[in-house]
Amino acid sequence: MVVGVADEEYGQRVAVAISMRKDRAAKGSLSIDELRKDLRGLLTGYKLPTLLRVVDGELPKNVSGKILKKVLGPQLFPPDYCTIPEVQIWTRQLSVARL
């Protein structure tokens, strides 16, 4: 599930909530850096997620099978998302040029 989350620095951040398959969850967790690396060839830079939360189990859906984005977005990424340890935050890593 992809949602926009309000942010003071950028105005809005791209946030992703992912439910892992059981076979993948056993191998280890997913990191925001791995996700961005995998998506880099498919998406432009501003569309890459900067927030990631891996959710246990399936994401809740309505009766027609659609994910409840308007309900889950604020629940999984509340305004104080920085204090939630399950939320991975990507920060820009500036490289220093050698002279």
PDB file of N, CA and C in Angstrom:
ATOM      1  N   MET A   1       0.848  -1.160   0.000  1.00  0.00           N
ATOM      2  CA  MET A   1       0.000   0.000   0.000  1.00  0.00           C
ATOM      3  C   MET A   1       0.898   1.228   0.000  1.00  0.00           C
ATOM      4  N   VAL A   2       0.621   2.162  -0.853  1.00  0.00           N
ATOM      5  CA  VAL A   2       1.372   3.405  -0.955  1.00  0.00           C
ATOM      6  C   VAL A   2       0.460   4.555  -0.569  1.00  0.00           C
ATOM      7  N   VAL A   3       0.949   5.424   0.344  1.00  0.00           N
ATOM      8  CA  VAL A   3       0.178   6.589   0.775  1.00  0.00           C
ATOM      9  C   VAL A   3       1.108   7.788   0.880  1.00  0.00           C
ATOM     10  N   GLY A   4       0.534   8.966   0.821  1.00  0.00           N
ATOM     11  CA  GLY A   4       1.273  10.191   1.068  1.00  0.00           C
ATOM     12  C   GLY A   4       1.158  10.555   2.533  1.00  0.00           C
ATOM     13  N   VAL A   5       2.259  10.960   3.134  1.00  0.00           N
ATOM     14  CA  VAL A   5       2.291  11.316   4.550  1.00  0.00           C
ATOM     15  C   VAL A   5       2.815  12.747   4.660  1.00  0.00           C
ATOM     16  N   ALA A   6       2.110  13.574   5.420  1.00  0.00           N
ATOM     17  CA  ALA A   6       2.534  14.966   5.603  1.00  0.00           C
ATOM     18  C   ALA A   6       3.904  15.016   6.266  1.00  0.00           C
ATOM     19  N   ASP A   7       4.739  15.949   5.787  1.00  0.00           N
ATOM     20  CA  ASP A   7       6.094  16.076   6.296  1.00  0.00           C
ATOM     21  C   ASP A   7       6.496  17.546   6.283  1.00  0.00           C
ATOM     22  N   GLU A   8       7.134  18.015   7.361  1.00  0.00           N
ATOM     23  CA  GLU A   8       7.528  19.417   7.441  1.00  0.00           C
ATOM     24  C   GLU A   8       8.642  19.757   6.457  1.00  0.00           C
ATOM     25  N   GLU A   9       9.591  18.860   6.280  1.00  0.00           N
ATOM     26  CA  GLU A   9      10.748  19.135   5.427  1.00  0.00           C
ATOM     27  C   GLU A   9      10.394  19.119   3.940  1.00  0.00           C
ATOM     28  N   TYR A  10       9.684  18.080   3.505  1.00  0.00           N
ATOM     29  CA  TYR A  10       9.396  17.901   2.086  1.00  0.00           C
ATOM     30  C   TYR A  10       7.965  18.268   1.690  1.00  0.00           C
ATOM     31  N   GLY A  11       7.098  18.526   2.647  1.00  0.00           N
ATOM     32  CA  GLY A  11       5.689  18.775   2.355  1.00  0.00           C
ATOM     33  C   GLY A  11       4.894  17.489   2.420  1.00  0.00           C
ATOM     34  N   GLN A  12       5.376  16.476   1.710  1.00  0.00           N
ATOM     35  CA  GLN A  12       4.747  15.161   1.749  1.00  0.00           C
ATOM     36  C   GLN A  12       5.787  14.110   1.390  1.00  0.00           C
ATOM     37  N   ARG A  13       5.686  12.956   2.032  1.00  0.00           N
ATOM     38  CA  ARG A  13       6.586  11.835   1.772  1.00  0.00           C
ATOM     39  C   ARG A  13       5.787  10.675   1.196  1.00  0.00           C
ATOM     40  N   VAL A  14       6.465   9.849   0.398  1.00  0.00           N
ATOM     41  CA  VAL A  14       5.858   8.629  -0.118  1.00  0.00           C
ATOM     42  C   VAL A  14       6.125   7.536   0.921  1.00  0.00           C
ATOM     43  N   ALA A  15       5.048   6.963   1.449  1.00  0.00           N
ATOM     44  CA  ALA A  15       5.156   5.917   2.464  1.00  0.00           C
ATOM     45  C   ALA A  15       4.592   4.611   1.915  1.00  0.00           C
ATOM     46  N   VAL A  16       5.231   3.505   2.291  1.00  0.00           N
ATOM     47  CA  VAL A  16       4.822   2.190   1.816  1.00  0.00           C
ATOM     48  C   VAL A  16       4.634   1.268   3.016  1.00  0.00           C
ATOM     49  N   ALA A  17       3.501   0.579   3.041  1.00  0.00           N
ATOM     50  CA  ALA A  17       3.262  -0.485   4.016  1.00  0.00           C
ATOM     51  C   ALA A  17       3.242  -1.797   3.243  1.00  0.00           C
ATOM     52  N   ILE A  18       4.057  -2.747   3.679  1.00  0.00           N
ATOM     53  CA  ILE A  18       4.193  -4.010   2.963  1.00  0.00           C
ATOM     54  C   ILE A  18       3.888  -5.162   3.898  1.00  0.00           C
ATOM     55  N   SER A  19       3.107  -6.097   3.408  1.00  0.00           N
ATOM     56  CA  SER A  19       2.850  -7.350   4.107  1.00  0.00           C
ATOM     57  C   SER A  19       3.696  -8.411   3.417  1.00  0.00           C
ATOM     58  N   MET A  20       4.618  -8.998   4.151  1.00  0.00           N
ATOM     59  CA  MET A  20       5.556  -9.958   3.561  1.00  0.00           C
ATOM     60  C   MET A  20       4.919 -11.343   3.470  1.00  0.00           C
ATOM     61  N   ARG A  21       5.299 -12.071   2.411  1.00  0.00           N
ATOM     62  CA  ARG A  21       4.889 -13.471   2.317  1.00  0.00           C
ATOM     63  C   ARG A  21       5.605 -14.250   3.412  1.00  0.00           C
ATOM     64  N   LYS A  22       5.019 -15.349   3.830  1.00  0.00           N
ATOM     65  CA  LYS A  22       5.600 -16.125   4.929  1.00  0.00           C
ATOM     66  C   LYS A  22       6.985 -16.651   4.604  1.00  0.00           C
ATOM     67  N   ASP A  23       7.236 -17.069   3.372  1.00  0.00           N
ATOM     68  CA  ASP A  23       8.563 -17.583   3.024  1.00  0.00           C
ATOM     69  C   ASP A  23       9.618 -16.472   3.022  1.00  0.00           C
ATOM     70  N   ARG A  24       9.251 -15.259   2.654  1.00  0.00           N
ATOM     71  CA  ARG A  24      10.182 -14.117   2.669  1.00  0.00           C
ATOM     72  C   ARG A  24      10.409 -13.634   4.094  1.00  0.00           C
ATOM     73  N   ALA A  25       9.357 -13.635   4.910  1.00  0.00           N
ATOM     74  CA  ALA A  25       9.477 -13.167   6.285  1.00  0.00           C
ATOM     75  C   ALA A  25      10.438 -14.045   7.076  1.00  0.00           C
ATOM     76  N   ALA A  26      10.500 -15.320   6.753  1.00  0.00           N
ATOM     77  CA  ALA A  26      11.397 -16.227   7.455  1.00  0.00           C
ATOM     78  C   ALA A  26      12.856 -15.933   7.116  1.00  0.00           C
ATOM     79  N   LYS A  27      13.124 -15.421   5.915  1.00  0.00           N
ATOM     80  CA  LYS A  27      14.494 -15.128   5.493  1.00  0.00           C
ATOM     81  C   LYS A  27      15.034 -13.851   6.129  1.00  0.00           C
ATOM     82  N   GLY A  28      14.182 -12.994   6.577  1.00  0.00           N
ATOM     83  CA  GLY A  28      14.626 -11.733   7.162  1.00  0.00           C
ATOM     84  C   GLY A  28      13.730 -10.592   6.731  1.00  0.00           C
ATOM     85  N   SER A  29      13.969  -9.467   7.302  1.00  0.00           N
ATOM     86  CA  SER A  29      13.139  -8.312   7.034  1.00  0.00           C
ATOM     87  C   SER A  29      13.635  -7.538   5.822  1.00  0.00           C
ATOM     88  N   LEU A  30      12.794  -6.693   5.312  1.00  0.00           N
ATOM     89  CA  LEU A  30      13.105  -5.845   4.183  1.00  0.00           C
ATOM     90  C   LEU A  30      13.540  -4.481   4.701  1.00  0.00           C
ATOM     91  N   SER A  31      14.544  -3.887   4.098  1.00  0.00           N
ATOM     92  CA  SER A  31      14.967  -2.549   4.511  1.00  0.00           C
ATOM     93  C   SER A  31      14.551  -1.532   3.453  1.00  0.00           C
ATOM     94  N   ILE A  32      14.456  -0.286   3.878  1.00  0.00           N
ATOM     95  CA  ILE A  32      14.080   0.781   2.962  1.00  0.00           C
ATOM     96  C   ILE A  32      15.130   0.937   1.860  1.00  0.00           C
ATOM     97  N   ASP A  33      16.395   0.727   2.186  1.00  0.00           N
ATOM     98  CA  ASP A  33      17.450   0.828   1.179  1.00  0.00           C
ATOM     99  C   ASP A  33      17.325  -0.266   0.117  1.00  0.00           C
ATOM    100  N   GLU A  34      17.010  -1.505   0.541  1.00  0.00           N
ATOM    101  CA  GLU A  34      16.807  -2.608  -0.414  1.00  0.00           C
ATOM    102  C   GLU A  34      15.628  -2.315  -1.334  1.00  0.00           C
ATOM    103  N   LEU A  35      14.545  -1.829  -0.754  1.00  0.00           N
ATOM    104  CA  LEU A  35      13.348  -1.525  -1.533  1.00  0.00           C
ATOM    105  C   LEU A  35      13.631  -0.443  -2.565  1.00  0.00           C
ATOM    106  N   ARG A  36      14.290   0.627  -2.152  1.00  0.00           N
ATOM    107  CA  ARG A  36      14.613   1.719  -3.083  1.00  0.00           C
ATOM    108  C   ARG A  36      15.550   1.241  -4.190  1.00  0.00           C
ATOM    109  N   LYS A  37      16.505   0.377  -3.837  1.00  0.00           N
ATOM    110  CA  LYS A  37      17.438  -0.150  -4.830  1.00  0.00           C
ATOM    111  C   LYS A  37      16.695  -0.980  -5.878  1.00  0.00           C
ATOM    112  N   ASP A  38      15.743  -1.809  -5.430  1.00  0.00           N
ATOM    113  CA  ASP A  38      14.969  -2.632  -6.356  1.00  0.00           C
ATOM    114  C   ASP A  38      14.058  -1.792  -7.259  1.00  0.00           C
ATOM    115  N   LEU A  39      13.530  -0.704  -6.733  1.00  0.00           N
ATOM    116  CA  LEU A  39      12.582   0.123  -7.487  1.00  0.00           C
ATOM    117  C   LEU A  39      13.241   1.195  -8.342  1.00  0.00           C
ATOM    118  N   ARG A  40      14.527   1.450  -8.132  1.00  0.00           N
ATOM    119  CA  ARG A  40      15.207   2.551  -8.822  1.00  0.00           C
ATOM    120  C   ARG A  40      15.089   2.469 -10.351  1.00  0.00           C
ATOM    121  N   GLY A  41      15.145   1.298 -10.913  1.00  0.00           N
ATOM    122  CA  GLY A  41      15.032   1.155 -12.356  1.00  0.00           C
ATOM    123  C   GLY A  41      13.612   1.285 -12.883  1.00  0.00           C
ATOM    124  N   LEU A  42      12.632   1.227 -11.984  1.00  0.00           N
ATOM    125  CA  LEU A  42      11.229   1.267 -12.403  1.00  0.00           C
ATOM    126  C   LEU A  42      10.557   2.623 -12.171  1.00  0.00           C
ATOM    127  N   LEU A  43      11.036   3.362 -11.172  1.00  0.00           N
ATOM    128  CA  LEU A  43      10.394   4.618 -10.796  1.00  0.00           C
ATOM    129  C   LEU A  43      11.384   5.776 -10.847  1.00  0.00           C
ATOM    130  N   THR A  44      10.874   6.976 -11.087  1.00  0.00           N
ATOM    131  CA  THR A  44      11.724   8.160 -11.012  1.00  0.00           C
ATOM    132  C   THR A  44      12.019   8.468  -9.545  1.00  0.00           C
ATOM    133  N   GLY A  45      13.029   9.269  -9.301  1.00  0.00           N
ATOM    134  CA  GLY A  45      13.501   9.532  -7.945  1.00  0.00           C
ATOM    135  C   GLY A  45      12.444  10.064  -6.993  1.00  0.00           C
ATOM    136  N   TYR A  46      11.617  10.995  -7.451  1.00  0.00           N
ATOM    137  CA  TYR A  46      10.628  11.580  -6.545  1.00  0.00           C
ATOM    138  C   TYR A  46       9.483  10.619  -6.210  1.00  0.00           C
ATOM    139  N   LYS A  47       9.352   9.523  -6.943  1.00  0.00           N
ATOM    140  CA  LYS A  47       8.306   8.543  -6.669  1.00  0.00           C
ATOM    141  C   LYS A  47       8.778   7.416  -5.760  1.00  0.00           C
ATOM    142  N   LEU A  48      10.081   7.352  -5.477  1.00  0.00           N
ATOM    143  CA  LEU A  48      10.610   6.302  -4.604  1.00  0.00           C
ATOM    144  C   LEU A  48      10.160   6.542  -3.169  1.00  0.00           C
ATOM    145  N   PRO A  49       9.796   5.488  -2.454  1.00  0.00           N
ATOM    146  CA  PRO A  49       9.332   5.660  -1.072  1.00  0.00           C
ATOM    147  C   PRO A  49      10.456   6.120  -0.149  1.00  0.00           C
ATOM    148  N   THR A  50      10.086   6.948   0.821  1.00  0.00           N
ATOM    149  CA  THR A  50      11.041   7.390   1.837  1.00  0.00           C
ATOM    150  C   THR A  50      10.673   6.866   3.219  1.00  0.00           C
ATOM    151  N   LEU A  51       9.509   6.239   3.334  1.00  0.00           N
ATOM    152  CA  LEU A  51       9.076   5.604   4.582  1.00  0.00           C
ATOM    153  C   LEU A  51       8.632   4.185   4.282  1.00  0.00           C
ATOM    154  N   LEU A  52       8.989   3.261   5.161  1.00  0.00           N
ATOM    155  CA  LEU A  52       8.608   1.857   4.985  1.00  0.00           C
ATOM    156  C   LEU A  52       8.180   1.285   6.319  1.00  0.00           C
ATOM    157  N   ARG A  53       7.091   0.543   6.289  1.00  0.00           N
ATOM    158  CA  ARG A  53       6.644  -0.207   7.470  1.00  0.00           C
ATOM    159  C   ARG A  53       6.235  -1.594   7.007  1.00  0.00           C
ATOM    160  N   VAL A  54       6.901  -2.601   7.567  1.00  0.00           N
ATOM    161  CA  VAL A  54       6.572  -3.988   7.257  1.00  0.00           C
ATOM    162  C   VAL A  54       5.520  -4.428   8.266  1.00  0.00           C
ATOM    163  N   VAL A  55       4.398  -4.922   7.754  1.00  0.00           N
ATOM    164  CA  VAL A  55       3.243  -5.269   8.584  1.00  0.00           C
ATOM    165  C   VAL A  55       3.114  -6.785   8.679  1.00  0.00           C
ATOM    166  N   ASP A  56       2.837  -7.279   9.880  1.00  0.00           N
ATOM    167  CA  ASP A  56       2.592  -8.707  10.062  1.00  0.00           C
ATOM    168  C   ASP A  56       1.193  -9.046   9.554  1.00  0.00           C
ATOM    169  N   GLY A  57       1.085 -10.142   8.847  1.00  0.00           N
ATOM    170  CA  GLY A  57      -0.215 -10.581   8.344  1.00  0.00           C
ATOM    171  C   GLY A  57      -0.647  -9.769   7.144  1.00  0.00           C
ATOM    172  N   GLU A  58      -1.884  -9.985   6.735  1.00  0.00           N
ATOM    173  CA  GLU A  58      -2.438  -9.316   5.568  1.00  0.00           C
ATOM    174  C   GLU A  58      -2.961  -7.946   5.920  1.00  0.00           C
ATOM    175  N   LEU A  59      -2.892  -7.027   4.975  1.00  0.00           N
ATOM    176  CA  LEU A  59      -3.474  -5.709   5.177  1.00  0.00           C
ATOM    177  C   LEU A  59      -4.994  -5.826   5.111  1.00  0.00           C
ATOM    178  N   PRO A  60      -5.717  -5.166   6.016  1.00  0.00           N
ATOM    179  CA  PRO A  60      -7.184  -5.254   6.021  1.00  0.00           C
ATOM    180  C   PRO A  60      -7.789  -4.709   4.730  1.00  0.00           C
ATOM    181  N   LYS A  61      -8.836  -5.394   4.287  1.00  0.00           N
ATOM    182  CA  LYS A  61      -9.512  -5.013   3.045  1.00  0.00           C
ATOM    183  C   LYS A  61     -11.003  -4.869   3.296  1.00  0.00           C
ATOM    184  N   ASN A  62     -11.672  -4.145   2.393  1.00  0.00           N
ATOM    185  CA  ASN A  62     -13.127  -4.026   2.499  1.00  0.00           C
ATOM    186  C   ASN A  62     -13.773  -5.242   1.836  1.00  0.00           C
ATOM    187  N   VAL A  63     -15.096  -5.262   1.758  1.00  0.00           N
ATOM    188  CA  VAL A  63     -15.804  -6.431   1.230  1.00  0.00           C
ATOM    189  C   VAL A  63     -15.517  -6.688  -0.246  1.00  0.00           C
ATOM    190  N   SER A  64     -15.126  -5.654  -0.982  1.00  0.00           N
ATOM    191  CA  SER A  64     -14.811  -5.855  -2.401  1.00  0.00           C
ATOM    192  C   SER A  64     -13.338  -6.218  -2.616  1.00  0.00           C
ATOM    193  N   GLY A  65     -12.566  -6.344  -1.544  1.00  0.00           N
ATOM    194  CA  GLY A  65     -11.182  -6.784  -1.644  1.00  0.00           C
ATOM    195  C   GLY A  65     -10.154  -5.674  -1.802  1.00  0.00           C
ATOM    196  N   LYS A  66     -10.568  -4.418  -1.663  1.00  0.00           N
ATOM    197  CA  LYS A  66      -9.636  -3.305  -1.782  1.00  0.00           C
ATOM    198  C   LYS A  66      -9.065  -2.949  -0.410  1.00  0.00           C
ATOM    199  N   ILE A  67      -7.782  -2.584  -0.396  1.00  0.00           N
ATOM    200  CA  ILE A  67      -7.130  -2.196   0.861  1.00  0.00           C
ATOM    201  C   ILE A  67      -7.703  -0.864   1.334  1.00  0.00           C
ATOM    202  N   LEU A  68      -7.926  -0.750   2.619  1.00  0.00           N
ATOM    203  CA  LEU A  68      -8.515   0.443   3.221  1.00  0.00           C
ATOM    204  C   LEU A  68      -7.446   1.518   3.430  1.00  0.00           C
ATOM    205  N   LYS A  69      -7.019   2.166   2.343  1.00  0.00           N
ATOM    206  CA  LYS A  69      -5.926   3.133   2.394  1.00  0.00           C
ATOM    207  C   LYS A  69      -6.223   4.339   3.269  1.00  0.00           C
ATOM    208  N   LYS A  70      -7.430   4.873   3.176  1.00  0.00           N
ATOM    209  CA  LYS A  70      -7.767   6.080   3.939  1.00  0.00           C
ATOM    210  C   LYS A  70      -7.786   5.827   5.439  1.00  0.00           C
ATOM    211  N   VAL A  71      -8.041   4.595   5.850  1.00  0.00           N
ATOM    212  CA  VAL A  71      -8.048   4.235   7.265  1.00  0.00           C
ATOM    213  C   VAL A  71      -6.657   3.806   7.714  1.00  0.00           C
ATOM    214  N   LEU A  72      -6.014   2.956   6.910  1.00  0.00           N
ATOM    215  CA  LEU A  72      -4.717   2.395   7.299  1.00  0.00           C
ATOM    216  C   LEU A  72      -3.572   3.395   7.222  1.00  0.00           C
ATOM    217  N   GLY A  73      -3.599   4.315   6.269  1.00  0.00           N
ATOM    218  CA  GLY A  73      -2.532   5.302   6.140  1.00  0.00           C
ATOM    219  C   GLY A  73      -2.273   6.047   7.432  1.00  0.00           C
ATOM    220  N   PRO A  74      -3.285   6.712   7.997  1.00  0.00           N
ATOM    221  CA  PRO A  74      -3.075   7.415   9.266  1.00  0.00           C
ATOM    222  C   PRO A  74      -2.769   6.485  10.444  1.00  0.00           C
ATOM    223  N   GLN A  75      -3.255   5.253  10.409  1.00  0.00           N
ATOM    224  CA  GLN A  75      -2.956   4.315  11.503  1.00  0.00           C
ATOM    225  C   GLN A  75      -1.499   3.862  11.464  1.00  0.00           C
ATOM    226  N   LEU A  76      -1.008   3.531  10.284  1.00  0.00           N
ATOM    227  CA  LEU A  76       0.354   3.019  10.169  1.00  0.00           C
ATOM    228  C   LEU A  76       1.407   4.125  10.150  1.00  0.00           C
ATOM    229  N   PHE A  77       1.041   5.314   9.672  1.00  0.00           N
ATOM    230  CA  PHE A  77       1.968   6.438   9.604  1.00  0.00           C
ATOM    231  C   PHE A  77       1.319   7.670  10.240  1.00  0.00           C
ATOM    232  N   PRO A  78       1.152   7.672  11.582  1.00  0.00           N
ATOM    233  CA  PRO A  78       0.552   8.828  12.254  1.00  0.00           C
ATOM    234  C   PRO A  78       1.514  10.023  12.208  1.00  0.00           C
ATOM    235  N   PRO A  79       1.061  11.206  12.624  1.00  0.00           N
ATOM    236  CA  PRO A  79       1.940  12.386  12.579  1.00  0.00           C
ATOM    237  C   PRO A  79       3.268  12.205  13.335  1.00  0.00           C
ATOM    238  N   ASP A  80       3.293  11.360  14.350  1.00  0.00           N
ATOM    239  CA  ASP A  80       4.532  11.131  15.106  1.00  0.00           C
ATOM    240  C   ASP A  80       5.242   9.856  14.651  1.00  0.00           C
ATOM    241  N   TYR A  81       5.199   9.569  13.340  1.00  0.00           N
ATOM    242  CA  TYR A  81       5.789   8.334  12.813  1.00  0.00           C
ATOM    243  C   TYR A  81       7.287   8.221  13.118  1.00  0.00           C
ATOM    244  N   CYS A  82       7.945   9.351  13.344  1.00  0.00           N
ATOM    245  CA  CYS A  82       9.393   9.326  13.640  1.00  0.00           C
ATOM    246  C   CYS A  82       9.702   8.593  14.941  1.00  0.00           C
ATOM    247  N   THR A  83       8.735   8.519  15.838  1.00  0.00           N
ATOM    248  CA  THR A  83       8.962   7.878  17.139  1.00  0.00           C
ATOM    249  C   THR A  83       8.601   6.395  17.133  1.00  0.00           C
ATOM    250  N   ILE A  84       8.055   5.899  16.037  1.00  0.00           N
ATOM    251  CA  ILE A  84       7.644   4.490  15.948  1.00  0.00           C
ATOM    252  C   ILE A  84       8.815   3.679  15.402  1.00  0.00           C
ATOM    253  N   PRO A  85       9.332   2.722  16.178  1.00  0.00           N
ATOM    254  CA  PRO A  85      10.513   1.969  15.731  1.00  0.00           C
ATOM    255  C   PRO A  85      10.278   1.104  14.495  1.00  0.00           C
ATOM    256  N   GLU A  86       9.037   0.706  14.208  1.00  0.00           N
ATOM    257  CA  GLU A  86       8.746  -0.135  13.045  1.00  0.00           C
ATOM    258  C   GLU A  86       8.811   0.629  11.725  1.00  0.00           C
ATOM    259  N   VAL A  87       8.762   1.955  11.780  1.00  0.00           N
ATOM    260  CA  VAL A  87       8.794   2.770  10.573  1.00  0.00           C
ATOM    261  C   VAL A  87      10.251   3.063  10.215  1.00  0.00           C
ATOM    262  N   GLN A  88      10.659   2.616   9.037  1.00  0.00           N
ATOM    263  CA  GLN A  88      12.004   2.885   8.537  1.00  0.00           C
ATOM    264  C   GLN A  88      11.967   4.179   7.729  1.00  0.00           C
ATOM    265  N   ILE A  89      12.887   5.082   8.018  1.00  0.00           N
ATOM    266  CA  ILE A  89      12.921   6.385   7.365  1.00  0.00           C
ATOM    267  C   ILE A  89      14.197   6.485   6.536  1.00  0.00           C
ATOM    268  N   TRP A  90      14.028   6.797   5.258  1.00  0.00           N
ATOM    269  CA  TRP A  90      15.186   6.984   4.380  1.00  0.00           C
ATOM    270  C   TRP A  90      15.635   8.431   4.483  1.00  0.00           C
ATOM    271  N   THR A  91      16.931   8.617   4.613  1.00  0.00           N
ATOM    272  CA  THR A  91      17.480   9.961   4.629  1.00  0.00           C
ATOM    273  C   THR A  91      18.477  10.085   3.494  1.00  0.00           C
ATOM    274  N   ARG A  92      18.537  11.241   2.917  1.00  0.00           N
ATOM    275  CA  ARG A  92      19.453  11.502   1.802  1.00  0.00           C
ATOM    276  C   ARG A  92      20.876  11.436   2.315  1.00  0.00           C
ATOM    277  N   GLN A  93      21.691  10.670   1.628  1.00  0.00           N
ATOM    278  CA  GLN A  93      23.099  10.538   2.001  1.00  0.00           C
ATOM    279  C   GLN A  93      23.904  11.318   0.989  1.00  0.00           C
ATOM    280  N   LEU A  94      24.396  12.447   1.402  1.00  0.00           N
ATOM    281  CA  LEU A  94      25.182  13.296   0.510  1.00  0.00           C
ATOM    282  C   LEU A  94      26.616  12.792   0.461  1.00  0.00           C
ATOM    283  N   SER A  95      27.121  12.675  -0.732  1.00  0.00           N
ATOM    284  CA  SER A  95      28.508  12.243  -0.871  1.00  0.00           C
ATOM    285  C   SER A  95      29.416  13.466  -0.907  1.00  0.00           C
ATOM    286  N   VAL A  96      30.581  13.323  -0.338  1.00  0.00           N
ATOM    287  CA  VAL A  96      31.541  14.414  -0.301  1.00  0.00           C
ATOM    288  C   VAL A  96      32.528  14.207  -1.452  1.00  0.00           C
ATOM    289  N   ALA A  97      32.669  15.217  -2.262  1.00  0.00           N
ATOM    290  CA  ALA A  97      33.581  15.113  -3.409  1.00  0.00           C
ATOM    291  C   ALA A  97      35.027  15.225  -2.939  1.00  0.00           C
ATOM    292  N   ARG A  98      35.851  14.391  -3.494  1.00  0.00           N
ATOM    293  CA  ARG A  98      37.281  14.433  -3.174  1.00  0.00           C
ATOM    294  C   ARG A  98      37.962  15.433  -4.100  1.00  0.00           C
ATOM    295  N   LEU A  99      38.843  16.201  -3.552  1.00  0.00           N
ATOM    296  CA  LEU A  99      39.595  17.175  -4.362  1.00  0.00           C
ATOM    297  C   LEU A  99      40.990  16.685  -4.617  1.00  0.00           C
TER     298      LEU A  99
END
